[in-house]
Amino acid sequence: MLIGEYEHSLDVKGRLIMPAKLRADIGDTFIVTKGLDGCLFAFSQNEWLNFETKLKALPLSDKNARNFVRFFLSGATECEIDKQGRFLIPTNLREAANLSKETVIIGVGTRIEIWDKEKWAKCDEEISADEIAENMTMLGI
């Protein structure tokens, strides 16, 4: 399971170190795409296939569904971890997530999220445990 929070810096070429604790679950080759809330999503090959299957099942006749599929698939790219544990985030994805030098990588179960450090701090600050607790029954937890 992909869990934890890790801070790393992008190098000048746009490479980022994949935390060692996440490498075994994400694999040496994985998919990175635009995510929600202003971050990037990274999926293992198996999780990407599961996600892609769900996207393919969406109705082509529904404009919102088409836009949802476009959003995730248009920017998706396969990434590989090099011998130093780094992977290259393409320019279009770095720009989509407004990644600066300092980043935060978080494991959220079935995927990894890659955040600009400042943006993650603001997002994390806005997360209210009390509000989450109140809504857990709606989520079936």
C-alpha atoms as a PDB file:
ATOM      1  CA  MET A   1       0.000   0.000   0.000  1.00  0.00           C
ATOM      2  CA  LEU A   2       1.240   3.462  -0.890  1.00  0.00           C
ATOM      3  CA  ILE A   3       1.355   5.535   2.302  1.00  0.00           C
ATOM      4  CA  GLY A   4       3.409   8.303   3.881  1.00  0.00           C
ATOM      5  CA  GLU A   5       4.607  11.814   3.155  1.00  0.00           C
ATOM      6  CA  TYR A   6       8.046  12.580   1.721  1.00  0.00           C
ATOM      7  CA  GLU A   7       9.778  15.834   0.789  1.00  0.00           C
ATOM      8  CA  HIS A   8      12.158  15.907  -2.166  1.00  0.00           C
ATOM      9  CA  SER A   9      13.555  18.494  -4.547  1.00  0.00           C
ATOM     10  CA  LEU A  10      13.189  18.548  -8.311  1.00  0.00           C
ATOM     11  CA  ASP A  11      16.556  18.774 -10.023  1.00  0.00           C
ATOM     12  CA  VAL A  12      17.234  21.219 -12.873  1.00  0.00           C
ATOM     13  CA  LYS A  13      16.185  18.600 -15.457  1.00  0.00           C
ATOM     14  CA  GLY A  14      12.824  17.991 -13.771  1.00  0.00           C
ATOM     15  CA  ARG A  15      13.759  14.698 -12.130  1.00  0.00           C
ATOM     16  CA  LEU A  16      12.438  13.704  -8.744  1.00  0.00           C
ATOM     17  CA  ILE A  17      13.572  10.969  -6.373  1.00  0.00           C
ATOM     18  CA  MET A  18      10.970   8.283  -5.749  1.00  0.00           C
ATOM     19  CA  PRO A  19      11.062   7.527  -2.016  1.00  0.00           C
ATOM     20  CA  ALA A  20      12.494   4.059  -1.427  1.00  0.00           C
ATOM     21  CA  LYS A  21       9.500   3.063   0.695  1.00  0.00           C
ATOM     22  CA  LEU A  22       7.185   3.669  -2.283  1.00  0.00           C
ATOM     23  CA  ARG A  23       9.329   2.083  -5.022  1.00  0.00           C
ATOM     24  CA  ALA A  24       8.354  -1.515  -4.311  1.00  0.00           C
ATOM     25  CA  ASP A  25       4.631  -0.786  -4.646  1.00  0.00           C
ATOM     26  CA  ILE A  26       4.720   1.722  -7.517  1.00  0.00           C
ATOM     27  CA  GLY A  27       7.194  -0.345  -9.555  1.00  0.00           C
ATOM     28  CA  ASP A  28      10.108   0.672 -11.780  1.00  0.00           C
ATOM     29  CA  THR A  29       7.725   1.803 -14.526  1.00  0.00           C
ATOM     30  CA  PHE A  30       4.535   3.675 -13.678  1.00  0.00           C
ATOM     31  CA  ILE A  31       2.095   6.243 -15.054  1.00  0.00           C
ATOM     32  CA  VAL A  32       2.002   9.935 -14.061  1.00  0.00           C
ATOM     33  CA  THR A  33      -0.867  12.197 -15.073  1.00  0.00           C
ATOM     34  CA  LYS A  34      -2.644  15.376 -14.060  1.00  0.00           C
ATOM     35  CA  GLY A  35      -4.455  14.914 -10.784  1.00  0.00           C
ATOM     36  CA  LEU A  36      -7.206  16.678  -8.933  1.00  0.00           C
ATOM     37  CA  ASP A  37      -6.772  19.568  -6.492  1.00  0.00           C
ATOM     38  CA  GLY A  38      -3.666  20.842  -8.328  1.00  0.00           C
ATOM     39  CA  CYS A  39      -1.348  17.859  -7.901  1.00  0.00           C
ATOM     40  CA  LEU A  40      -0.143  14.993 -10.086  1.00  0.00           C
ATOM     41  CA  PHE A  41      -1.283  11.395  -9.734  1.00  0.00           C
ATOM     42  CA  ALA A  42       1.097   8.443 -10.162  1.00  0.00           C
ATOM     43  CA  PHE A  43      -0.245   4.910 -10.587  1.00  0.00           C
ATOM     44  CA  SER A  44       1.479   1.544 -10.693  1.00  0.00           C
ATOM     45  CA  GLN A  45       0.921  -0.299 -13.976  1.00  0.00           C
ATOM     46  CA  ASN A  46      -1.783  -2.500 -12.380  1.00  0.00           C
ATOM     47  CA  GLU A  47      -3.617   0.406 -10.743  1.00  0.00           C
ATOM     48  CA  TRP A  48      -3.444   2.375 -13.991  1.00  0.00           C
ATOM     49  CA  LEU A  49      -5.072  -0.514 -15.852  1.00  0.00           C
ATOM     50  CA  ASN A  50      -7.868  -0.562 -13.231  1.00  0.00           C
ATOM     51  CA  PHE A  51      -8.331   3.207 -13.535  1.00  0.00           C
ATOM     52  CA  GLU A  52      -8.190   3.106 -17.335  1.00  0.00           C
ATOM     53  CA  THR A  53     -10.856   0.374 -17.391  1.00  0.00           C
ATOM     54  CA  LYS A  54     -13.159   2.618 -15.362  1.00  0.00           C
ATOM     55  CA  LEU A  55     -12.488   5.528 -17.724  1.00  0.00           C
ATOM     56  CA  LYS A  56     -13.270   3.374 -20.764  1.00  0.00           C
ATOM     57  CA  ALA A  57     -16.604   2.403 -19.214  1.00  0.00           C
ATOM     58  CA  LEU A  58     -17.790   6.013 -19.022  1.00  0.00           C
ATOM     59  CA  PRO A  59     -20.480   6.941 -21.569  1.00  0.00           C
ATOM     60  CA  LEU A  60     -19.112   8.603 -24.686  1.00  0.00           C
ATOM     61  CA  SER A  61     -22.405  10.472 -25.034  1.00  0.00           C
ATOM     62  CA  ASP A  62     -21.866  12.362 -21.750  1.00  0.00           C
ATOM     63  CA  LYS A  63     -19.837  15.565 -22.189  1.00  0.00           C
ATOM     64  CA  ASN A  64     -18.673  15.572 -18.535  1.00  0.00           C
ATOM     65  CA  ALA A  65     -17.472  11.996 -18.915  1.00  0.00           C
ATOM     66  CA  ARG A  66     -15.573  12.872 -22.111  1.00  0.00           C
ATOM     67  CA  ASN A  67     -13.903  15.822 -20.381  1.00  0.00           C
ATOM     68  CA  PHE A  68     -13.020  13.635 -17.386  1.00  0.00           C
ATOM     69  CA  VAL A  69     -11.363  11.073 -19.679  1.00  0.00           C
ATOM     70  CA  ARG A  70      -9.544  13.813 -21.637  1.00  0.00           C
ATOM     71  CA  PHE A  71      -8.259  15.386 -18.442  1.00  0.00           C
ATOM     72  CA  PHE A  72      -6.598  12.222 -17.195  1.00  0.00           C
ATOM     73  CA  LEU A  73      -5.465  10.599 -20.440  1.00  0.00           C
ATOM     74  CA  SER A  74      -4.185  13.613 -22.391  1.00  0.00           C
ATOM     75  CA  GLY A  75      -1.348  14.287 -19.975  1.00  0.00           C
ATOM     76  CA  ALA A  76      -0.603  10.716 -18.957  1.00  0.00           C
ATOM     77  CA  THR A  77       2.939   9.515 -19.460  1.00  0.00           C
ATOM     78  CA  GLU A  78       4.926   6.428 -18.578  1.00  0.00           C
ATOM     79  CA  CYS A  79       7.832   7.103 -16.229  1.00  0.00           C
ATOM     80  CA  GLU A  80      10.807   4.925 -15.316  1.00  0.00           C
ATOM     81  CA  ILE A  81      12.961   5.039 -12.222  1.00  0.00           C
ATOM     82  CA  ASP A  82      16.656   5.342 -13.058  1.00  0.00           C
ATOM     83  CA  LYS A  83      19.587   3.768 -11.195  1.00  0.00           C
ATOM     84  CA  GLN A  84      19.680   6.724  -8.774  1.00  0.00           C
ATOM     85  CA  GLY A  85      15.999   6.295  -7.883  1.00  0.00           C
ATOM     86  CA  ARG A  86      14.862   9.313  -9.921  1.00  0.00           C
ATOM     87  CA  PHE A  87      12.169   9.737 -12.548  1.00  0.00           C
ATOM     88  CA  LEU A  88      11.571  12.544 -15.033  1.00  0.00           C
ATOM     89  CA  ILE A  89       8.379  14.560 -14.771  1.00  0.00           C
ATOM     90  CA  PRO A  90       7.665  16.042 -18.224  1.00  0.00           C
ATOM     91  CA  THR A  91       7.446  19.822 -18.512  1.00  0.00           C
ATOM     92  CA  ASN A  92       3.713  19.822 -19.289  1.00  0.00           C
ATOM     93  CA  LEU A  93       2.966  17.947 -16.059  1.00  0.00           C
ATOM     94  CA  ARG A  94       5.334  20.068 -13.954  1.00  0.00           C
ATOM     95  CA  GLU A  95       3.506  23.138 -15.294  1.00  0.00           C
ATOM     96  CA  ALA A  96       0.052  21.607 -14.760  1.00  0.00           C
ATOM     97  CA  ALA A  97       0.833  21.097 -11.053  1.00  0.00           C
ATOM     98  CA  ASN A  98       2.880  24.317 -10.739  1.00  0.00           C
ATOM     99  CA  LEU A  99       5.754  22.317  -9.316  1.00  0.00           C
ATOM    100  CA  SER A 100       8.636  24.380  -8.048  1.00  0.00           C
ATOM    101  CA  LYS A 101      11.906  22.997  -6.710  1.00  0.00           C
ATOM    102  CA  GLU A 102      10.458  21.756  -3.408  1.00  0.00           C
ATOM    103  CA  THR A 103       7.878  18.984  -3.682  1.00  0.00           C
ATOM    104  CA  VAL A 104       5.966  16.610  -1.445  1.00  0.00           C
ATOM    105  CA  ILE A 105       5.130  13.062  -2.471  1.00  0.00           C
ATOM    106  CA  ILE A 106       2.302  11.432  -0.573  1.00  0.00           C
ATOM    107  CA  GLY A 107       1.031   7.886  -0.725  1.00  0.00           C
ATOM    108  CA  VAL A 108      -2.759   7.666  -0.722  1.00  0.00           C
ATOM    109  CA  GLY A 109      -3.373   3.930  -0.942  1.00  0.00           C
ATOM    110  CA  THR A 110      -3.761   3.105  -4.625  1.00  0.00           C
ATOM    111  CA  ARG A 111      -1.793   6.033  -6.011  1.00  0.00           C
ATOM    112  CA  ILE A 112       0.859   8.620  -5.249  1.00  0.00           C
ATOM    113  CA  GLU A 113       0.188  12.341  -5.320  1.00  0.00           C
ATOM    114  CA  ILE A 114       2.985  14.773  -6.207  1.00  0.00           C
ATOM    115  CA  TRP A 115       2.504  18.293  -4.848  1.00  0.00           C
ATOM    116  CA  ASP A 116       4.324  21.584  -4.866  1.00  0.00           C
ATOM    117  CA  LYS A 117       5.426  21.905  -1.220  1.00  0.00           C
ATOM    118  CA  GLU A 118       3.652  25.238  -0.588  1.00  0.00           C
ATOM    119  CA  LYS A 119       0.434  24.084  -2.253  1.00  0.00           C
ATOM    120  CA  TRP A 120       0.451  20.868  -0.206  1.00  0.00           C
ATOM    121  CA  ALA A 121       0.957  22.824   3.019  1.00  0.00           C
ATOM    122  CA  LYS A 122      -2.125  24.956   2.233  1.00  0.00           C
ATOM    123  CA  CYS A 123      -4.191  21.919   1.263  1.00  0.00           C
ATOM    124  CA  ASP A 124      -3.106  19.975   4.348  1.00  0.00           C
ATOM    125  CA  GLU A 125      -3.930  22.977   6.533  1.00  0.00           C
ATOM    126  CA  GLU A 126      -7.474  23.064   5.132  1.00  0.00           C
ATOM    127  CA  ILE A 127      -8.138  19.410   5.924  1.00  0.00           C
ATOM    128  CA  SER A 128     -10.313  19.288   9.025  1.00  0.00           C
ATOM    129  CA  ALA A 129     -10.374  16.013  10.951  1.00  0.00           C
ATOM    130  CA  ASP A 130     -13.690  17.023  12.519  1.00  0.00           C
ATOM    131  CA  GLU A 131     -15.273  17.706   9.115  1.00  0.00           C
ATOM    132  CA  ILE A 132     -13.948  14.419   7.766  1.00  0.00           C
ATOM    133  CA  ALA A 133     -15.329  12.570  10.791  1.00  0.00           C
ATOM    134  CA  GLU A 134     -18.758  14.122  10.235  1.00  0.00           C
ATOM    135  CA  ASN A 135     -18.803  12.973   6.604  1.00  0.00           C
ATOM    136  CA  MET A 136     -17.439   9.450   7.110  1.00  0.00           C
ATOM    137  CA  THR A 137     -20.882   7.858   7.275  1.00  0.00           C
ATOM    138  CA  MET A 138     -21.745   9.392   3.886  1.00  0.00           C
ATOM    139  CA  LEU A 139     -18.587   7.739   2.546  1.00  0.00           C
ATOM    140  CA  GLY A 140     -19.636   4.392   3.989  1.00  0.00           C
ATOM    141  CA  ILE A 141     -16.919   4.258   6.644  1.00  0.00           C
END
